[in-house]
């Protein structure tokens, strides 16, 4: 009859197959961008459950604000700054441990790490590592007046060689100095040390790179500006002074 479209059984089967193929193509078309989006998100926000420390590419933009303070300084101080900046983003491995390469460099700490590194709190080991590689002369050993894994050892060494500058004496810290926090002179205990890379403000607050810091993870290397309190373990304690290399 006119106006009526007649379909054979073969036409119905063909249309069913065509519909299934069309649906599959639509699903694939939608799936590809979703998979790409998931891949990008995993790269931007890696899983925190991994025991492997993330790679750090480049330097925090704020570091550029302190580069001009390196002008006119000794090669030793400049090298100290470059060394510690190169380690920003380093994290202990496993992440919930103090297993680190800086203590292993000094053969100091407990040998319970799965990767041959050594296990101990390591802010002083990190600062000593940078000083040694930059050519600062000192002895690393556990004798009063020498540098070791104790944060207060920098103070003791500074007093011994007349390179200690207590806070409040008018000393302006220079890049390459080690800032000492929470020092108790009676017991020779300090809470933390960090390596100065510059200063800011009228009171010359230090910008510093911290080994064994804990703002971003359990234990890593972090850069902090205006660090009048330490970026590690004891945020309530104050800056005590500086040691010059």
C-alpha atoms as a PDB file:
ATOM      1  CA  UNK A   1       0.000   0.000   0.000  1.00  0.00           C
ATOM      2  CA  UNK A   2       1.216   3.526  -0.720  1.00  0.00           C
ATOM      3  CA  UNK A   3       2.910   5.273   2.220  1.00  0.00           C
ATOM      4  CA  UNK A   4       3.761   2.056   4.055  1.00  0.00           C
ATOM      5  CA  UNK A   5       7.418   0.936   4.281  1.00  0.00           C
ATOM      6  CA  UNK A   6       7.749  -2.812   4.289  1.00  0.00           C
ATOM      7  CA  UNK A   7      10.862  -4.394   5.943  1.00  0.00           C
ATOM      8  CA  UNK A   8      12.064  -7.908   5.531  1.00  0.00           C
ATOM      9  CA  UNK A   9      13.454  -9.961   8.478  1.00  0.00           C
ATOM     10  CA  UNK A  10      16.926  -9.380   7.040  1.00  0.00           C
ATOM     11  CA  UNK A  11      16.369  -5.610   7.275  1.00  0.00           C
ATOM     12  CA  UNK A  12      15.490  -5.903  10.974  1.00  0.00           C
ATOM     13  CA  UNK A  13      18.615  -7.956  11.717  1.00  0.00           C
ATOM     14  CA  UNK A  14      20.816  -5.450   9.852  1.00  0.00           C
ATOM     15  CA  UNK A  15      19.322  -2.519  11.762  1.00  0.00           C
ATOM     16  CA  UNK A  16      19.848  -4.316  15.093  1.00  0.00           C
ATOM     17  CA  UNK A  17      23.521  -4.943  14.256  1.00  0.00           C
ATOM     18  CA  UNK A  18      23.982  -1.394  13.073  1.00  0.00           C
ATOM     19  CA  UNK A  19      22.491  -0.097  16.292  1.00  0.00           C
ATOM     20  CA  UNK A  20      24.821  -2.232  18.410  1.00  0.00           C
ATOM     21  CA  UNK A  21      27.870  -1.054  16.443  1.00  0.00           C
ATOM     22  CA  UNK A  22      26.746   2.548  16.757  1.00  0.00           C
ATOM     23  CA  UNK A  23      26.328   2.187  20.518  1.00  0.00           C
ATOM     24  CA  UNK A  24      29.789   0.605  20.809  1.00  0.00           C
ATOM     25  CA  UNK A  25      31.355   3.437  18.841  1.00  0.00           C
ATOM     26  CA  UNK A  26      29.633   5.997  21.056  1.00  0.00           C
ATOM     27  CA  UNK A  27      30.893   4.236  24.163  1.00  0.00           C
ATOM     28  CA  UNK A  28      34.442   4.088  22.813  1.00  0.00           C
ATOM     29  CA  UNK A  29      34.231   7.733  21.797  1.00  0.00           C
ATOM     30  CA  UNK A  30      33.286   8.678  25.345  1.00  0.00           C
ATOM     31  CA  UNK A  31      35.730   6.279  27.021  1.00  0.00           C
ATOM     32  CA  UNK A  32      38.897   7.598  25.348  1.00  0.00           C
ATOM     33  CA  UNK A  33      38.759  11.153  26.781  1.00  0.00           C
ATOM     34  CA  UNK A  34      37.790   9.752  30.204  1.00  0.00           C
ATOM     35  CA  UNK A  35      40.841   7.462  30.208  1.00  0.00           C
ATOM     36  CA  UNK A  36      43.056  10.352  29.149  1.00  0.00           C
ATOM     37  CA  UNK A  37      41.657  12.513  31.960  1.00  0.00           C
ATOM     38  CA  UNK A  38      42.272   9.767  34.543  1.00  0.00           C
ATOM     39  CA  UNK A  39      45.860   9.351  33.306  1.00  0.00           C
ATOM     40  CA  UNK A  40      46.529  13.078  33.638  1.00  0.00           C
ATOM     41  CA  UNK A  41      45.058  13.169  37.153  1.00  0.00           C
ATOM     42  CA  UNK A  42      47.261  10.272  38.286  1.00  0.00           C
ATOM     43  CA  UNK A  43      50.329  12.090  36.974  1.00  0.00           C
ATOM     44  CA  UNK A  44      49.393  15.338  38.696  1.00  0.00           C
ATOM     45  CA  UNK A  45      48.346  13.700  41.971  1.00  0.00           C
ATOM     46  CA  UNK A  46      50.352  10.496  42.490  1.00  0.00           C
ATOM     47  CA  UNK A  47      49.245   7.997  45.089  1.00  0.00           C
ATOM     48  CA  UNK A  48      50.553   8.804  48.578  1.00  0.00           C
ATOM     49  CA  UNK A  49      50.713   5.106  49.460  1.00  0.00           C
ATOM     50  CA  UNK A  50      53.873   4.560  47.442  1.00  0.00           C
ATOM     51  CA  UNK A  51      57.090   4.134  49.364  1.00  0.00           C
ATOM     52  CA  UNK A  52      59.092   5.701  46.542  1.00  0.00           C
ATOM     53  CA  UNK A  53      59.915   9.410  46.959  1.00  0.00           C
ATOM     54  CA  UNK A  54      58.519  11.595  44.160  1.00  0.00           C
ATOM     55  CA  UNK A  55      60.850  13.218  41.682  1.00  0.00           C
ATOM     56  CA  UNK A  56      61.079  16.986  42.091  1.00  0.00           C
ATOM     57  CA  UNK A  57      61.436  18.951  38.881  1.00  0.00           C
ATOM     58  CA  UNK A  58      62.693  22.518  39.090  1.00  0.00           C
ATOM     59  CA  UNK A  59      62.698  24.902  42.043  1.00  0.00           C
ATOM     60  CA  UNK A  60      59.925  26.681  43.968  1.00  0.00           C
ATOM     61  CA  UNK A  61      59.281  30.059  42.325  1.00  0.00           C
ATOM     62  CA  UNK A  62      59.977  31.870  45.633  1.00  0.00           C
ATOM     63  CA  UNK A  63      63.637  30.834  45.450  1.00  0.00           C
ATOM     64  CA  UNK A  64      64.179  33.318  42.622  1.00  0.00           C
ATOM     65  CA  UNK A  65      63.503  36.159  45.049  1.00  0.00           C
ATOM     66  CA  UNK A  66      66.678  35.298  46.954  1.00  0.00           C
ATOM     67  CA  UNK A  67      69.090  34.665  44.068  1.00  0.00           C
ATOM     68  CA  UNK A  68      70.339  38.250  44.079  1.00  0.00           C
ATOM     69  CA  UNK A  69      71.555  37.809  47.667  1.00  0.00           C
ATOM     70  CA  UNK A  70      74.261  35.458  46.400  1.00  0.00           C
ATOM     71  CA  UNK A  71      76.097  38.250  44.599  1.00  0.00           C
ATOM     72  CA  UNK A  72      79.531  38.964  46.015  1.00  0.00           C
ATOM     73  CA  UNK A  73      79.569  35.918  48.300  1.00  0.00           C
ATOM     74  CA  UNK A  74      82.328  33.320  48.452  1.00  0.00           C
ATOM     75  CA  UNK A  75      82.219  30.274  46.190  1.00  0.00           C
ATOM     76  CA  UNK A  76      81.783  28.137  49.285  1.00  0.00           C
ATOM     77  CA  UNK A  77      78.603  29.905  50.383  1.00  0.00           C
ATOM     78  CA  UNK A  78      77.174  29.881  46.865  1.00  0.00           C
ATOM     79  CA  UNK A  79      77.862  26.159  46.545  1.00  0.00           C
ATOM     80  CA  UNK A  80      76.193  25.428  49.896  1.00  0.00           C
ATOM     81  CA  UNK A  81      73.046  27.187  48.697  1.00  0.00           C
ATOM     82  CA  UNK A  82      73.028  25.413  45.349  1.00  0.00           C
ATOM     83  CA  UNK A  83      73.509  22.033  47.022  1.00  0.00           C
ATOM     84  CA  UNK A  84      70.632  22.385  49.447  1.00  0.00           C
ATOM     85  CA  UNK A  85      68.333  23.853  46.797  1.00  0.00           C
ATOM     86  CA  UNK A  86      69.025  20.855  44.579  1.00  0.00           C
ATOM     87  CA  UNK A  87      67.588  18.559  47.258  1.00  0.00           C
ATOM     88  CA  UNK A  88      64.234  20.304  47.772  1.00  0.00           C
ATOM     89  CA  UNK A  89      61.521  17.678  47.443  1.00  0.00           C
ATOM     90  CA  UNK A  90      63.692  14.776  48.616  1.00  0.00           C
ATOM     91  CA  UNK A  91      61.731  12.425  50.872  1.00  0.00           C
ATOM     92  CA  UNK A  92      62.754   9.566  53.134  1.00  0.00           C
ATOM     93  CA  UNK A  93      62.220   6.058  51.836  1.00  0.00           C
ATOM     94  CA  UNK A  94      60.085   4.386  53.193  1.00  0.00           C
ATOM     95  CA  UNK A  95      58.086   7.567  53.606  1.00  0.00           C
ATOM     96  CA  UNK A  96      57.058   6.872  57.216  1.00  0.00           C
ATOM     97  CA  UNK A  97      60.647   6.489  58.387  1.00  0.00           C
ATOM     98  CA  UNK A  98      63.844   8.462  58.949  1.00  0.00           C
ATOM     99  CA  UNK A  99      65.799   6.322  56.468  1.00  0.00           C
ATOM    100  CA  UNK A 100      67.817   8.861  54.492  1.00  0.00           C
ATOM    101  CA  UNK A 101      70.905   9.220  52.320  1.00  0.00           C
ATOM    102  CA  UNK A 102      72.456  12.101  54.272  1.00  0.00           C
ATOM    103  CA  UNK A 103      72.927  10.112  57.481  1.00  0.00           C
ATOM    104  CA  UNK A 104      74.213   7.232  55.352  1.00  0.00           C
ATOM    105  CA  UNK A 105      76.802   9.619  53.914  1.00  0.00           C
ATOM    106  CA  UNK A 106      78.151  10.076  57.454  1.00  0.00           C
ATOM    107  CA  UNK A 107      77.710   6.382  58.415  1.00  0.00           C
ATOM    108  CA  UNK A 108      75.509   7.588  61.258  1.00  0.00           C
ATOM    109  CA  UNK A 109      72.241   6.022  62.366  1.00  0.00           C
ATOM    110  CA  UNK A 110      70.518   2.673  62.683  1.00  0.00           C
ATOM    111  CA  UNK A 111      70.949   0.174  59.851  1.00  0.00           C
ATOM    112  CA  UNK A 112      67.329  -0.960  59.649  1.00  0.00           C
ATOM    113  CA  UNK A 113      66.498   0.551  56.239  1.00  0.00           C
ATOM    114  CA  UNK A 114      65.591  -1.657  53.254  1.00  0.00           C
ATOM    115  CA  UNK A 115      67.730   0.275  50.773  1.00  0.00           C
ATOM    116  CA  UNK A 116      71.104   0.533  52.507  1.00  0.00           C
ATOM    117  CA  UNK A 117      70.429   3.994  53.947  1.00  0.00           C
ATOM    118  CA  UNK A 118      70.596   4.775  57.664  1.00  0.00           C
ATOM    119  CA  UNK A 119      67.819   5.698  60.063  1.00  0.00           C
ATOM    120  CA  UNK A 120      67.963   8.748  62.352  1.00  0.00           C
ATOM    121  CA  UNK A 121      66.613  12.291  62.547  1.00  0.00           C
ATOM    122  CA  UNK A 122      68.752  14.059  60.017  1.00  0.00           C
ATOM    123  CA  UNK A 123      68.432  17.866  59.879  1.00  0.00           C
ATOM    124  CA  UNK A 124      72.031  18.257  61.137  1.00  0.00           C
ATOM    125  CA  UNK A 125      73.320  15.499  58.851  1.00  0.00           C
ATOM    126  CA  UNK A 126      71.764  17.331  55.887  1.00  0.00           C
ATOM    127  CA  UNK A 127      73.379  20.668  56.789  1.00  0.00           C
ATOM    128  CA  UNK A 128      76.736  18.974  57.460  1.00  0.00           C
ATOM    129  CA  UNK A 129      76.515  17.166  54.085  1.00  0.00           C
ATOM    130  CA  UNK A 130      76.057  20.475  52.245  1.00  0.00           C
ATOM    131  CA  UNK A 131      78.927  22.117  54.134  1.00  0.00           C
ATOM    132  CA  UNK A 132      81.274  19.203  53.470  1.00  0.00           C
ATOM    133  CA  UNK A 133      80.518  19.010  49.737  1.00  0.00           C
ATOM    134  CA  UNK A 134      80.985  22.780  49.469  1.00  0.00           C
ATOM    135  CA  UNK A 135      84.454  22.511  51.037  1.00  0.00           C
ATOM    136  CA  UNK A 136      83.886  23.658  54.629  1.00  0.00           C
ATOM    137  CA  UNK A 137      86.558  22.179  56.889  1.00  0.00           C
ATOM    138  CA  UNK A 138      85.288  20.387  60.011  1.00  0.00           C
ATOM    139  CA  UNK A 139      85.398  16.997  61.688  1.00  0.00           C
ATOM    140  CA  UNK A 140      82.260  14.892  61.908  1.00  0.00           C
ATOM    141  CA  UNK A 141      82.433  12.935  65.138  1.00  0.00           C
ATOM    142  CA  UNK A 142      80.651  12.616  68.467  1.00  0.00           C
ATOM    143  CA  UNK A 143      82.975  14.789  70.513  1.00  0.00           C
ATOM    144  CA  UNK A 144      81.981  18.141  71.986  1.00  0.00           C
ATOM    145  CA  UNK A 145      83.089  20.918  69.665  1.00  0.00           C
ATOM    146  CA  UNK A 146      82.767  18.866  66.490  1.00  0.00           C
ATOM    147  CA  UNK A 147      79.788  18.525  64.143  1.00  0.00           C
ATOM    148  CA  UNK A 148      77.557  15.459  64.163  1.00  0.00           C
ATOM    149  CA  UNK A 149      73.876  14.470  63.937  1.00  0.00           C
ATOM    150  CA  UNK A 150      73.007  16.580  66.985  1.00  0.00           C
ATOM    151  CA  UNK A 151      71.541  19.975  66.078  1.00  0.00           C
ATOM    152  CA  UNK A 152      73.399  21.535  69.019  1.00  0.00           C
ATOM    153  CA  UNK A 153      76.708  20.349  67.582  1.00  0.00           C
ATOM    154  CA  UNK A 154      76.628  23.267  65.130  1.00  0.00           C
ATOM    155  CA  UNK A 155      76.370  25.654  68.066  1.00  0.00           C
ATOM    156  CA  UNK A 156      79.270  23.923  69.854  1.00  0.00           C
ATOM    157  CA  UNK A 157      81.408  24.026  66.707  1.00  0.00           C
ATOM    158  CA  UNK A 158      80.496  27.676  66.149  1.00  0.00           C
ATOM    159  CA  UNK A 159      81.514  28.642  69.667  1.00  0.00           C
ATOM    160  CA  UNK A 160      84.746  26.697  69.394  1.00  0.00           C
ATOM    161  CA  UNK A 161      85.764  28.458  66.173  1.00  0.00           C
ATOM    162  CA  UNK A 162      84.151  31.820  66.982  1.00  0.00           C
ATOM    163  CA  UNK A 163      81.540  31.520  64.256  1.00  0.00           C
ATOM    164  CA  UNK A 164      78.454  31.519  66.473  1.00  0.00           C
ATOM    165  CA  UNK A 165      76.113  34.530  66.215  1.00  0.00           C
ATOM    166  CA  UNK A 166      73.342  34.601  68.794  1.00  0.00           C
ATOM    167  CA  UNK A 167      70.010  36.094  67.822  1.00  0.00           C
ATOM    168  CA  UNK A 168      69.704  39.684  68.993  1.00  0.00           C
ATOM    169  CA  UNK A 169      73.356  40.581  68.546  1.00  0.00           C
ATOM    170  CA  UNK A 170      72.713  42.500  65.321  1.00  0.00           C
ATOM    171  CA  UNK A 171      74.233  39.848  63.058  1.00  0.00           C
ATOM    172  CA  UNK A 172      72.665  39.680  59.602  1.00  0.00           C
ATOM    173  CA  UNK A 173      72.677  36.050  58.445  1.00  0.00           C
ATOM    174  CA  UNK A 174      74.227  35.221  55.101  1.00  0.00           C
ATOM    175  CA  UNK A 175      73.367  32.478  52.622  1.00  0.00           C
ATOM    176  CA  UNK A 176      75.195  29.322  53.638  1.00  0.00           C
ATOM    177  CA  UNK A 177      74.857  29.939  57.377  1.00  0.00           C
ATOM    178  CA  UNK A 178      73.147  27.325  59.520  1.00  0.00           C
ATOM    179  CA  UNK A 179      70.240  28.569  61.622  1.00  0.00           C
ATOM    180  CA  UNK A 180      69.859  26.901  65.025  1.00  0.00           C
ATOM    181  CA  UNK A 181      66.451  26.645  66.707  1.00  0.00           C
ATOM    182  CA  UNK A 182      65.426  25.898  70.281  1.00  0.00           C
ATOM    183  CA  UNK A 183      68.931  25.883  71.738  1.00  0.00           C
ATOM    184  CA  UNK A 184      69.352  25.045  75.429  1.00  0.00           C
ATOM    185  CA  UNK A 185      72.931  26.023  76.262  1.00  0.00           C
ATOM    186  CA  UNK A 186      72.826  24.327  79.662  1.00  0.00           C
ATOM    187  CA  UNK A 187      72.003  20.876  78.309  1.00  0.00           C
ATOM    188  CA  UNK A 188      73.538  21.399  74.846  1.00  0.00           C
ATOM    189  CA  UNK A 189      70.329  20.362  73.113  1.00  0.00           C
ATOM    190  CA  UNK A 190      68.716  22.076  70.118  1.00  0.00           C
ATOM    191  CA  UNK A 191      65.447  21.329  68.361  1.00  0.00           C
ATOM    192  CA  UNK A 192      66.425  21.867  64.732  1.00  0.00           C
ATOM    193  CA  UNK A 193      68.869  23.353  62.226  1.00  0.00           C
ATOM    194  CA  UNK A 194      68.318  24.660  58.691  1.00  0.00           C
ATOM    195  CA  UNK A 195      70.510  26.116  55.957  1.00  0.00           C
ATOM    196  CA  UNK A 196      69.967  29.814  55.240  1.00  0.00           C
ATOM    197  CA  UNK A 197      69.654  30.849  51.582  1.00  0.00           C
ATOM    198  CA  UNK A 198      68.649  34.484  52.185  1.00  0.00           C
ATOM    199  CA  UNK A 199      66.734  36.903  54.399  1.00  0.00           C
ATOM    200  CA  UNK A 200      63.608  39.025  54.173  1.00  0.00           C
ATOM    201  CA  UNK A 201      62.090  41.956  56.041  1.00  0.00           C
ATOM    202  CA  UNK A 202      63.657  44.625  58.253  1.00  0.00           C
ATOM    203  CA  UNK A 203      64.593  42.066  60.902  1.00  0.00           C
ATOM    204  CA  UNK A 204      66.368  39.780  58.391  1.00  0.00           C
ATOM    205  CA  UNK A 205      64.129  36.762  58.954  1.00  0.00           C
ATOM    206  CA  UNK A 206      65.823  33.729  57.382  1.00  0.00           C
ATOM    207  CA  UNK A 207      64.629  31.916  54.305  1.00  0.00           C
ATOM    208  CA  UNK A 208      65.987  28.418  54.724  1.00  0.00           C
ATOM    209  CA  UNK A 209      66.131  24.905  53.309  1.00  0.00           C
ATOM    210  CA  UNK A 210      65.298  22.288  55.927  1.00  0.00           C
ATOM    211  CA  UNK A 211      66.377  18.688  56.076  1.00  0.00           C
ATOM    212  CA  UNK A 212      64.074  16.366  58.033  1.00  0.00           C
ATOM    213  CA  UNK A 213      61.187  18.826  57.746  1.00  0.00           C
ATOM    214  CA  UNK A 214      57.601  17.682  58.183  1.00  0.00           C
ATOM    215  CA  UNK A 215      55.134  20.251  56.845  1.00  0.00           C
ATOM    216  CA  UNK A 216      54.530  18.417  53.560  1.00  0.00           C
ATOM    217  CA  UNK A 217      55.296  14.826  54.517  1.00  0.00           C
ATOM    218  CA  UNK A 218      56.666  12.739  57.377  1.00  0.00           C
ATOM    219  CA  UNK A 219      60.300  13.679  56.698  1.00  0.00           C
ATOM    220  CA  UNK A 220      61.614  15.546  53.667  1.00  0.00           C
ATOM    221  CA  UNK A 221      63.594  18.565  52.403  1.00  0.00           C
ATOM    222  CA  UNK A 222      61.531  21.758  52.354  1.00  0.00           C
ATOM    223  CA  UNK A 223      62.073  25.444  51.605  1.00  0.00           C
ATOM    224  CA  UNK A 224      60.484  28.006  53.934  1.00  0.00           C
ATOM    225  CA  UNK A 225      60.578  31.808  53.914  1.00  0.00           C
ATOM    226  CA  UNK A 226      60.494  33.950  57.077  1.00  0.00           C
ATOM    227  CA  UNK A 227      61.489  30.969  59.189  1.00  0.00           C
ATOM    228  CA  UNK A 228      61.616  32.381  62.696  1.00  0.00           C
ATOM    229  CA  UNK A 229      60.232  29.060  63.942  1.00  0.00           C
ATOM    230  CA  UNK A 230      61.510  25.732  62.648  1.00  0.00           C
ATOM    231  CA  UNK A 231      59.822  23.821  59.840  1.00  0.00           C
ATOM    232  CA  UNK A 232      60.168  20.527  61.703  1.00  0.00           C
ATOM    233  CA  UNK A 233      58.855  18.703  64.742  1.00  0.00           C
ATOM    234  CA  UNK A 234      58.897  21.661  67.158  1.00  0.00           C
ATOM    235  CA  UNK A 235      57.011  24.636  65.620  1.00  0.00           C
ATOM    236  CA  UNK A 236      56.693  26.419  68.976  1.00  0.00           C
ATOM    237  CA  UNK A 237      60.405  26.931  69.553  1.00  0.00           C
ATOM    238  CA  UNK A 238      62.257  30.038  68.436  1.00  0.00           C
ATOM    239  CA  UNK A 239      65.328  30.889  66.431  1.00  0.00           C
ATOM    240  CA  UNK A 240      68.430  30.931  68.640  1.00  0.00           C
ATOM    241  CA  UNK A 241      71.182  32.108  66.273  1.00  0.00           C
ATOM    242  CA  UNK A 242      73.422  31.302  63.334  1.00  0.00           C
ATOM    243  CA  UNK A 243      76.684  29.486  62.597  1.00  0.00           C
ATOM    244  CA  UNK A 244      78.895  30.699  59.749  1.00  0.00           C
ATOM    245  CA  UNK A 245      80.814  28.195  57.582  1.00  0.00           C
END
